[in-house]
Amino acid sequence: MHEGDGVVSARSMVTVATGSDSVSEVFFRAERRWTEALCRGLLDGDIAAIEGWRILGMLRGGDGLTMSDISSAMSIPPPTLTRIVDKLVEGGFVIRRVDAADRRRVLIYLSARGKTKVRKLVKQESLVKAALVEELGEDAAVGFIRALARVGDLPL
């Protein structure tokens, strides 16, 4: 990985945790650095906030999701989510459709333009994962990602 690829190498980002580092500082530092690495190749004039990219990523499976589903899964307050989705609709990245099974529900889907943007997200995610693999090795990187997913779901 080179900085010109959109992601700096994992080795240049590694700061070894010491006994004096607090758990919160380790989490904050890691979150900031890796989010910045992911954003470096994504944020543009169309979608200028990581939350918009997160929503596009969540919708990539193709199944429509309700605003409640998205809000709960992403821990984004409903009013904030509404503003973000409104901007994505205005930009032509997502569409709202009434659920055929329950006409009271509105589902959010990627549009064709949104699917094109998701390809950019997948590419940037691959670069970030490659930096992890470079540092940790394939098996450890996959294990680390799984562990982070579990940590994110822990009841605190």
N, C-alpha and C. Protein backbone atom coordinates (compact mmCIF):
# COMPACT_ATOMS: atom_id res chain seq x y z
N MET A 1 0.84 -1.18 0.00
CA MET A 1 0.00 0.00 0.00
C MET A 1 0.88 1.24 0.00
N HIS A 2 0.53 2.15 -0.80
CA HIS A 2 1.21 3.43 -0.82
C HIS A 2 0.19 4.50 -0.53
N GLU A 3 0.65 5.61 0.00
CA GLU A 3 -0.27 6.69 0.32
C GLU A 3 -1.05 7.14 -0.90
N GLY A 4 -0.48 7.05 -2.07
CA GLY A 4 -1.15 7.44 -3.30
C GLY A 4 -2.32 6.52 -3.66
N ASP A 5 -2.34 5.30 -3.07
CA ASP A 5 -3.42 4.36 -3.32
C ASP A 5 -4.68 4.72 -2.56
N GLY A 6 -4.62 5.74 -1.72
CA GLY A 6 -5.80 6.12 -0.95
C GLY A 6 -5.72 5.68 0.49
N VAL A 7 -4.76 4.83 0.82
CA VAL A 7 -4.62 4.34 2.19
C VAL A 7 -3.13 4.31 2.50
N VAL A 8 -2.77 4.79 3.67
CA VAL A 8 -1.37 4.68 4.07
C VAL A 8 -1.14 3.27 4.55
N SER A 9 0.08 2.83 4.57
CA SER A 9 0.35 1.46 5.01
C SER A 9 0.01 1.32 6.49
N ALA A 10 -0.39 0.11 6.85
CA ALA A 10 -0.73 -0.15 8.25
C ALA A 10 0.48 0.10 9.13
N ARG A 11 1.67 -0.24 8.63
CA ARG A 11 2.86 -0.08 9.45
C ARG A 11 3.09 1.39 9.83
N SER A 12 2.76 2.31 8.94
CA SER A 12 2.98 3.72 9.26
C SER A 12 1.92 4.24 10.22
N MET A 13 0.82 3.47 10.36
CA MET A 13 -0.26 3.90 11.24
C MET A 13 -0.18 3.24 12.62
N VAL A 14 0.66 2.22 12.76
CA VAL A 14 0.69 1.45 13.99
C VAL A 14 1.37 2.24 15.09
N THR A 15 0.67 2.34 16.21
CA THR A 15 1.24 2.87 17.43
C THR A 15 1.08 1.78 18.46
N VAL A 16 2.16 1.29 19.00
CA VAL A 16 2.08 0.18 19.93
C VAL A 16 1.45 0.66 21.23
N ALA A 17 0.41 -0.08 21.66
CA ALA A 17 -0.25 0.25 22.92
C ALA A 17 0.70 -0.07 24.07
N THR A 18 0.80 0.83 24.99
CA THR A 18 1.65 0.62 26.15
C THR A 18 0.77 0.52 27.39
N GLY A 19 1.36 0.18 28.48
CA GLY A 19 0.62 0.06 29.73
C GLY A 19 -0.02 1.37 30.14
N SER A 20 0.50 2.50 29.64
CA SER A 20 -0.05 3.80 30.03
C SER A 20 -1.25 4.21 29.17
N ASP A 21 -1.50 3.50 28.04
CA ASP A 21 -2.64 3.82 27.19
C ASP A 21 -3.92 3.34 27.85
N SER A 22 -4.91 4.21 27.89
CA SER A 22 -6.20 3.78 28.41
C SER A 22 -6.93 3.03 27.31
N VAL A 23 -7.83 2.15 27.69
CA VAL A 23 -8.62 1.42 26.71
C VAL A 23 -9.37 2.39 25.82
N SER A 24 -9.94 3.43 26.42
CA SER A 24 -10.70 4.39 25.61
C SER A 24 -9.81 5.09 24.60
N GLU A 25 -8.59 5.43 24.98
CA GLU A 25 -7.70 6.11 24.05
C GLU A 25 -7.31 5.18 22.90
N VAL A 26 -7.08 3.91 23.19
CA VAL A 26 -6.75 2.95 22.14
C VAL A 26 -7.90 2.86 21.15
N PHE A 27 -9.14 2.75 21.67
CA PHE A 27 -10.31 2.68 20.78
C PHE A 27 -10.48 3.97 19.99
N PHE A 28 -10.37 5.11 20.65
CA PHE A 28 -10.55 6.39 19.95
C PHE A 28 -9.51 6.58 18.85
N ARG A 29 -8.26 6.26 19.17
CA ARG A 29 -7.18 6.45 18.20
C ARG A 29 -7.38 5.52 17.00
N ALA A 30 -7.70 4.27 17.27
CA ALA A 30 -7.92 3.31 16.18
C ALA A 30 -9.11 3.72 15.32
N GLU A 31 -10.20 4.10 15.95
CA GLU A 31 -11.39 4.51 15.20
C GLU A 31 -11.08 5.70 14.31
N ARG A 32 -10.40 6.69 14.85
CA ARG A 32 -10.09 7.90 14.08
C ARG A 32 -9.19 7.59 12.90
N ARG A 33 -8.12 6.85 13.13
CA ARG A 33 -7.16 6.58 12.06
C ARG A 33 -7.76 5.74 10.95
N TRP A 34 -8.50 4.70 11.31
CA TRP A 34 -9.05 3.81 10.29
C TRP A 34 -10.22 4.45 9.58
N THR A 35 -11.00 5.25 10.27
CA THR A 35 -12.09 5.98 9.61
C THR A 35 -11.50 6.98 8.63
N GLU A 36 -10.44 7.68 9.02
CA GLU A 36 -9.79 8.62 8.11
C GLU A 36 -9.24 7.89 6.88
N ALA A 37 -8.65 6.71 7.09
CA ALA A 37 -8.12 5.94 5.96
C ALA A 37 -9.24 5.53 5.02
N LEU A 38 -10.37 5.13 5.56
CA LEU A 38 -11.51 4.74 4.74
C LEU A 38 -12.08 5.95 4.00
N CYS A 39 -12.21 7.06 4.70
CA CYS A 39 -12.79 8.28 4.11
C CYS A 39 -11.92 8.89 3.03
N ARG A 40 -10.63 8.71 3.13
CA ARG A 40 -9.70 9.36 2.21
C ARG A 40 -10.07 9.11 0.76
N GLY A 41 -10.53 7.94 0.43
CA GLY A 41 -10.87 7.65 -0.96
C GLY A 41 -12.35 7.76 -1.27
N LEU A 42 -13.16 8.15 -0.28
CA LEU A 42 -14.60 8.16 -0.48
C LEU A 42 -15.24 9.53 -0.54
N LEU A 43 -14.96 10.35 0.44
CA LEU A 43 -15.68 11.62 0.56
C LEU A 43 -15.45 12.46 -0.68
N ASP A 44 -16.55 12.92 -1.25
CA ASP A 44 -16.47 13.70 -2.47
C ASP A 44 -17.62 14.70 -2.50
N GLY A 45 -17.79 15.38 -3.59
CA GLY A 45 -18.83 16.38 -3.71
C GLY A 45 -20.24 15.80 -3.66
N ASP A 46 -20.37 14.52 -4.00
CA ASP A 46 -21.68 13.87 -3.97
C ASP A 46 -22.08 13.45 -2.56
N ILE A 47 -21.16 12.80 -1.88
CA ILE A 47 -21.42 12.30 -0.52
C ILE A 47 -20.24 12.72 0.34
N ALA A 48 -20.47 13.75 1.12
CA ALA A 48 -19.37 14.39 1.85
C ALA A 48 -19.28 13.97 3.31
N ALA A 49 -20.11 13.01 3.76
CA ALA A 49 -20.05 12.57 5.16
C ALA A 49 -20.01 11.05 5.20
N ILE A 50 -19.27 10.52 6.14
CA ILE A 50 -19.13 9.07 6.25
C ILE A 50 -20.47 8.39 6.51
N GLU A 51 -21.40 9.06 7.18
CA GLU A 51 -22.69 8.44 7.47
C GLU A 51 -23.45 8.09 6.19
N GLY A 52 -23.35 8.94 5.17
CA GLY A 52 -23.97 8.63 3.89
C GLY A 52 -23.38 7.37 3.28
N TRP A 53 -22.06 7.23 3.37
CA TRP A 53 -21.39 6.04 2.86
C TRP A 53 -21.78 4.81 3.66
N ARG A 54 -21.91 4.97 4.98
CA ARG A 54 -22.32 3.84 5.82
C ARG A 54 -23.70 3.34 5.41
N ILE A 55 -24.60 4.26 5.13
CA ILE A 55 -25.95 3.87 4.72
C ILE A 55 -25.91 3.15 3.38
N LEU A 56 -25.17 3.68 2.42
CA LEU A 56 -25.04 3.00 1.13
C LEU A 56 -24.49 1.59 1.33
N GLY A 57 -23.49 1.47 2.18
CA GLY A 57 -22.91 0.16 2.46
C GLY A 57 -23.91 -0.80 3.08
N MET A 58 -24.73 -0.29 3.96
CA MET A 58 -25.73 -1.14 4.60
C MET A 58 -26.78 -1.63 3.61
N LEU A 59 -27.06 -0.83 2.60
CA LEU A 59 -28.08 -1.19 1.61
C LEU A 59 -27.55 -2.08 0.49
N ARG A 60 -26.26 -2.35 0.47
CA ARG A 60 -25.66 -3.06 -0.65
C ARG A 60 -26.19 -4.47 -0.85
N GLY A 61 -26.81 -5.06 0.15
CA GLY A 61 -27.35 -6.41 0.01
C GLY A 61 -28.52 -6.49 -0.94
N GLY A 62 -29.14 -5.35 -1.25
CA GLY A 62 -30.23 -5.33 -2.21
C GLY A 62 -31.61 -5.38 -1.60
N ASP A 63 -31.70 -5.88 -0.38
CA ASP A 63 -33.00 -5.90 0.28
C ASP A 63 -33.29 -4.52 0.81
N GLY A 64 -34.48 -4.05 0.59
CA GLY A 64 -34.86 -2.76 1.13
C GLY A 64 -34.92 -2.80 2.64
N LEU A 65 -34.58 -1.70 3.26
CA LEU A 65 -34.61 -1.59 4.72
C LEU A 65 -35.48 -0.41 5.11
N THR A 66 -36.14 -0.54 6.26
CA THR A 66 -36.91 0.58 6.78
C THR A 66 -35.97 1.56 7.46
N MET A 67 -36.45 2.75 7.66
CA MET A 67 -35.66 3.75 8.38
C MET A 67 -35.38 3.25 9.80
N SER A 68 -36.34 2.58 10.41
CA SER A 68 -36.14 2.04 11.77
C SER A 68 -35.03 1.00 11.77
N ASP A 69 -35.02 0.12 10.76
CA ASP A 69 -33.96 -0.89 10.65
C ASP A 69 -32.59 -0.22 10.58
N ILE A 70 -32.49 0.77 9.73
CA ILE A 70 -31.21 1.45 9.53
C ILE A 70 -30.81 2.20 10.80
N SER A 71 -31.74 2.92 11.39
CA SER A 71 -31.46 3.68 12.60
C SER A 71 -30.95 2.78 13.72
N SER A 72 -31.63 1.66 13.93
CA SER A 72 -31.23 0.73 15.00
C SER A 72 -29.87 0.11 14.72
N ALA A 73 -29.66 -0.36 13.52
CA ALA A 73 -28.42 -1.04 13.19
C ALA A 73 -27.21 -0.12 13.21
N MET A 74 -27.42 1.15 12.87
CA MET A 74 -26.30 2.07 12.74
C MET A 74 -26.17 3.06 13.90
N SER A 75 -27.10 2.98 14.85
CA SER A 75 -27.09 3.90 15.99
C SER A 75 -27.10 5.36 15.54
N ILE A 76 -27.94 5.64 14.57
CA ILE A 76 -28.12 7.02 14.10
C ILE A 76 -29.52 7.44 14.52
N PRO A 77 -29.65 8.55 15.25
CA PRO A 77 -30.98 9.00 15.67
C PRO A 77 -31.88 9.24 14.47
N PRO A 78 -33.17 8.88 14.58
CA PRO A 78 -34.09 9.01 13.44
C PRO A 78 -34.09 10.38 12.75
N PRO A 79 -34.11 11.51 13.48
CA PRO A 79 -34.10 12.79 12.76
C PRO A 79 -32.84 13.00 11.91
N THR A 80 -31.71 12.57 12.45
CA THR A 80 -30.45 12.68 11.71
C THR A 80 -30.47 11.77 10.49
N LEU A 81 -30.95 10.55 10.67
CA LEU A 81 -31.03 9.61 9.57
C LEU A 81 -31.94 10.14 8.46
N THR A 82 -33.05 10.74 8.84
CA THR A 82 -33.97 11.29 7.84
C THR A 82 -33.27 12.35 7.00
N ARG A 83 -32.51 13.24 7.62
CA ARG A 83 -31.78 14.27 6.87
C ARG A 83 -30.77 13.64 5.91
N ILE A 84 -30.04 12.63 6.39
CA ILE A 84 -29.03 11.99 5.55
C ILE A 84 -29.69 11.28 4.36
N VAL A 85 -30.76 10.52 4.64
CA VAL A 85 -31.44 9.79 3.56
C VAL A 85 -32.08 10.76 2.58
N ASP A 86 -32.64 11.86 3.08
CA ASP A 86 -33.20 12.88 2.18
C ASP A 86 -32.14 13.37 1.19
N LYS A 87 -30.92 13.61 1.67
CA LYS A 87 -29.83 14.05 0.79
C LYS A 87 -29.46 12.96 -0.20
N LEU A 88 -29.46 11.70 0.25
CA LEU A 88 -29.14 10.60 -0.66
C LEU A 88 -30.23 10.44 -1.72
N VAL A 89 -31.48 10.67 -1.34
CA VAL A 89 -32.58 10.62 -2.31
C VAL A 89 -32.42 11.75 -3.32
N GLU A 90 -32.17 12.97 -2.83
CA GLU A 90 -31.98 14.13 -3.71
C GLU A 90 -30.83 13.92 -4.69
N GLY A 91 -29.78 13.24 -4.22
CA GLY A 91 -28.62 12.97 -5.08
C GLY A 91 -28.83 11.80 -6.02
N GLY A 92 -29.95 11.11 -5.86
CA GLY A 92 -30.24 9.99 -6.74
C GLY A 92 -29.53 8.70 -6.36
N PHE A 93 -29.06 8.59 -5.11
CA PHE A 93 -28.31 7.41 -4.67
C PHE A 93 -29.20 6.34 -4.05
N VAL A 94 -30.32 6.75 -3.48
CA VAL A 94 -31.27 5.79 -2.90
C VAL A 94 -32.68 6.19 -3.32
N ILE A 95 -33.56 5.21 -3.25
CA ILE A 95 -34.97 5.47 -3.54
C ILE A 95 -35.81 4.92 -2.40
N ARG A 96 -36.96 5.55 -2.21
CA ARG A 96 -37.93 5.07 -1.23
C ARG A 96 -39.05 4.39 -1.99
N ARG A 97 -39.46 3.22 -1.49
CA ARG A 97 -40.58 2.49 -2.10
C ARG A 97 -41.50 1.99 -1.00
N VAL A 98 -42.79 2.03 -1.27
CA VAL A 98 -43.75 1.46 -0.34
C VAL A 98 -43.59 -0.05 -0.38
N ASP A 99 -43.56 -0.68 0.79
CA ASP A 99 -43.42 -2.13 0.90
C ASP A 99 -44.67 -2.81 0.34
N ALA A 100 -44.48 -3.69 -0.64
CA ALA A 100 -45.62 -4.37 -1.26
C ALA A 100 -46.36 -5.26 -0.26
N ALA A 101 -45.66 -5.80 0.73
CA ALA A 101 -46.27 -6.68 1.71
C ALA A 101 -47.01 -5.91 2.81
N ASP A 102 -46.57 -4.70 3.08
CA ASP A 102 -47.19 -3.89 4.14
C ASP A 102 -47.15 -2.43 3.68
N ARG A 103 -48.22 -1.97 3.13
CA ARG A 103 -48.29 -0.64 2.52
C ARG A 103 -48.01 0.49 3.51
N ARG A 104 -47.98 0.20 4.79
CA ARG A 104 -47.67 1.24 5.79
C ARG A 104 -46.16 1.48 5.90
N ARG A 105 -45.38 0.54 5.42
CA ARG A 105 -43.92 0.63 5.54
C ARG A 105 -43.30 1.17 4.26
N VAL A 106 -42.27 1.99 4.44
CA VAL A 106 -41.49 2.50 3.32
C VAL A 106 -40.10 1.89 3.44
N LEU A 107 -39.62 1.33 2.34
CA LEU A 107 -38.31 0.71 2.31
C LEU A 107 -37.34 1.58 1.51
N ILE A 108 -36.10 1.56 1.93
CA ILE A 108 -35.03 2.31 1.26
C ILE A 108 -34.18 1.32 0.48
N TYR A 109 -33.92 1.63 -0.79
CA TYR A 109 -33.11 0.79 -1.68
C TYR A 109 -32.04 1.64 -2.34
N LEU A 110 -30.97 0.99 -2.77
CA LEU A 110 -29.98 1.66 -3.62
C LEU A 110 -30.58 1.87 -5.00
N SER A 111 -30.30 3.01 -5.58
CA SER A 111 -30.65 3.26 -6.99
C SER A 111 -29.47 2.76 -7.83
N ALA A 112 -29.61 2.83 -9.14
CA ALA A 112 -28.50 2.45 -10.03
C ALA A 112 -27.28 3.32 -9.73
N ARG A 113 -27.52 4.61 -9.50
CA ARG A 113 -26.40 5.52 -9.18
C ARG A 113 -25.77 5.16 -7.84
N GLY A 114 -26.60 4.75 -6.89
CA GLY A 114 -26.10 4.32 -5.58
C GLY A 114 -25.26 3.06 -5.69
N LYS A 115 -25.68 2.14 -6.55
CA LYS A 115 -24.91 0.90 -6.75
C LYS A 115 -23.54 1.21 -7.33
N THR A 116 -23.47 2.20 -8.19
CA THR A 116 -22.18 2.62 -8.75
C THR A 116 -21.29 3.17 -7.64
N LYS A 117 -21.87 3.97 -6.75
CA LYS A 117 -21.10 4.52 -5.62
C LYS A 117 -20.62 3.41 -4.70
N VAL A 118 -21.44 2.38 -4.50
CA VAL A 118 -21.06 1.28 -3.61
C VAL A 118 -19.82 0.56 -4.14
N ARG A 119 -19.65 0.51 -5.45
CA ARG A 119 -18.44 -0.10 -6.00
C ARG A 119 -17.19 0.67 -5.52
N LYS A 120 -17.31 1.98 -5.41
CA LYS A 120 -16.20 2.79 -4.89
C LYS A 120 -15.95 2.45 -3.41
N LEU A 121 -17.03 2.25 -2.67
CA LEU A 121 -16.91 1.87 -1.26
C LEU A 121 -16.22 0.51 -1.13
N VAL A 122 -16.62 -0.45 -1.93
CA VAL A 122 -16.03 -1.78 -1.88
C VAL A 122 -14.54 -1.71 -2.20
N LYS A 123 -14.17 -0.90 -3.17
CA LYS A 123 -12.75 -0.75 -3.52
C LYS A 123 -11.97 -0.16 -2.34
N GLN A 124 -12.52 0.86 -1.70
CA GLN A 124 -11.82 1.49 -0.59
C GLN A 124 -11.75 0.53 0.61
N GLU A 125 -12.81 -0.21 0.84
CA GLU A 125 -12.78 -1.21 1.92
C GLU A 125 -11.70 -2.26 1.65
N SER A 126 -11.52 -2.63 0.40
CA SER A 126 -10.49 -3.61 0.03
C SER A 126 -9.10 -3.06 0.32
N LEU A 127 -8.90 -1.79 0.06
CA LEU A 127 -7.60 -1.17 0.36
C LEU A 127 -7.32 -1.17 1.86
N VAL A 128 -8.34 -0.85 2.64
CA VAL A 128 -8.18 -0.82 4.09
C VAL A 128 -7.93 -2.24 4.61
N LYS A 129 -8.68 -3.21 4.11
CA LYS A 129 -8.46 -4.59 4.53
C LYS A 129 -7.07 -5.06 4.15
N ALA A 130 -6.61 -4.67 2.97
CA ALA A 130 -5.26 -5.06 2.53
C ALA A 130 -4.21 -4.52 3.49
N ALA A 131 -4.41 -3.33 4.02
CA ALA A 131 -3.47 -2.77 5.00
C ALA A 131 -3.48 -3.61 6.28
N LEU A 132 -4.65 -4.07 6.68
CA LEU A 132 -4.74 -4.96 7.86
C LEU A 132 -4.04 -6.29 7.59
N VAL A 133 -4.29 -6.85 6.42
CA VAL A 133 -3.67 -8.13 6.06
C VAL A 133 -2.16 -7.99 6.00
N GLU A 134 -1.69 -6.87 5.46
CA GLU A 134 -0.25 -6.62 5.38
C GLU A 134 0.37 -6.62 6.78
N GLU A 135 -0.33 -6.04 7.72
CA GLU A 135 0.19 -5.93 9.09
C GLU A 135 0.00 -7.21 9.90
N LEU A 136 -1.17 -7.84 9.77
CA LEU A 136 -1.53 -8.95 10.66
C LEU A 136 -1.49 -10.33 10.02
N GLY A 137 -1.52 -10.38 8.69
CA GLY A 137 -1.70 -11.65 8.00
C GLY A 137 -3.20 -11.88 7.79
N GLU A 138 -3.54 -12.71 6.78
CA GLU A 138 -4.94 -12.91 6.39
C GLU A 138 -5.80 -13.45 7.53
N ASP A 139 -5.38 -14.54 8.15
CA ASP A 139 -6.21 -15.15 9.19
C ASP A 139 -6.40 -14.22 10.39
N ALA A 140 -5.34 -13.58 10.82
CA ALA A 140 -5.43 -12.68 11.96
C ALA A 140 -6.28 -11.45 11.62
N ALA A 141 -6.18 -10.96 10.38
CA ALA A 141 -6.99 -9.80 9.98
C ALA A 141 -8.48 -10.15 9.99
N VAL A 142 -8.81 -11.32 9.46
CA VAL A 142 -10.22 -11.76 9.47
C VAL A 142 -10.68 -11.94 10.91
N GLY A 143 -9.86 -12.56 11.74
CA GLY A 143 -10.20 -12.73 13.16
C GLY A 143 -10.38 -11.40 13.86
N PHE A 144 -9.53 -10.45 13.55
CA PHE A 144 -9.61 -9.12 14.15
C PHE A 144 -10.91 -8.43 13.76
N ILE A 145 -11.28 -8.51 12.48
CA ILE A 145 -12.53 -7.89 12.01
C ILE A 145 -13.72 -8.54 12.70
N ARG A 146 -13.69 -9.87 12.82
CA ARG A 146 -14.78 -10.57 13.52
C ARG A 146 -14.85 -10.16 14.99
N ALA A 147 -13.69 -10.04 15.62
CA ALA A 147 -13.66 -9.64 17.03
C ALA A 147 -14.21 -8.22 17.20
N LEU A 148 -13.84 -7.33 16.29
CA LEU A 148 -14.37 -5.96 16.35
C LEU A 148 -15.89 -5.95 16.20
N ALA A 149 -16.40 -6.79 15.30
CA ALA A 149 -17.85 -6.87 15.13
C ALA A 149 -18.51 -7.33 16.43
N ARG A 150 -17.92 -8.30 17.10
CA ARG A 150 -18.46 -8.77 18.38
C ARG A 150 -18.38 -7.67 19.43
N VAL A 151 -17.26 -6.99 19.50
CA VAL A 151 -17.08 -5.91 20.48
C VAL A 151 -18.13 -4.82 20.25
N GLY A 152 -18.40 -4.51 18.98
CA GLY A 152 -19.39 -3.49 18.65
C GLY A 152 -20.79 -3.86 19.10
N ASP A 153 -21.06 -5.14 19.28
CA ASP A 153 -22.38 -5.61 19.69
C ASP A 153 -22.49 -5.92 21.19
N LEU A 154 -21.40 -5.74 21.92
CA LEU A 154 -21.44 -6.03 23.36
C LEU A 154 -22.39 -5.09 24.08
N PRO A 155 -23.19 -5.64 24.99
CA PRO A 155 -24.05 -4.77 25.81
C PRO A 155 -23.21 -4.14 26.91
N LEU A 156 -23.15 -2.84 26.94
CA LEU A 156 -22.35 -2.15 27.96
C LEU A 156 -23.24 -1.37 28.89
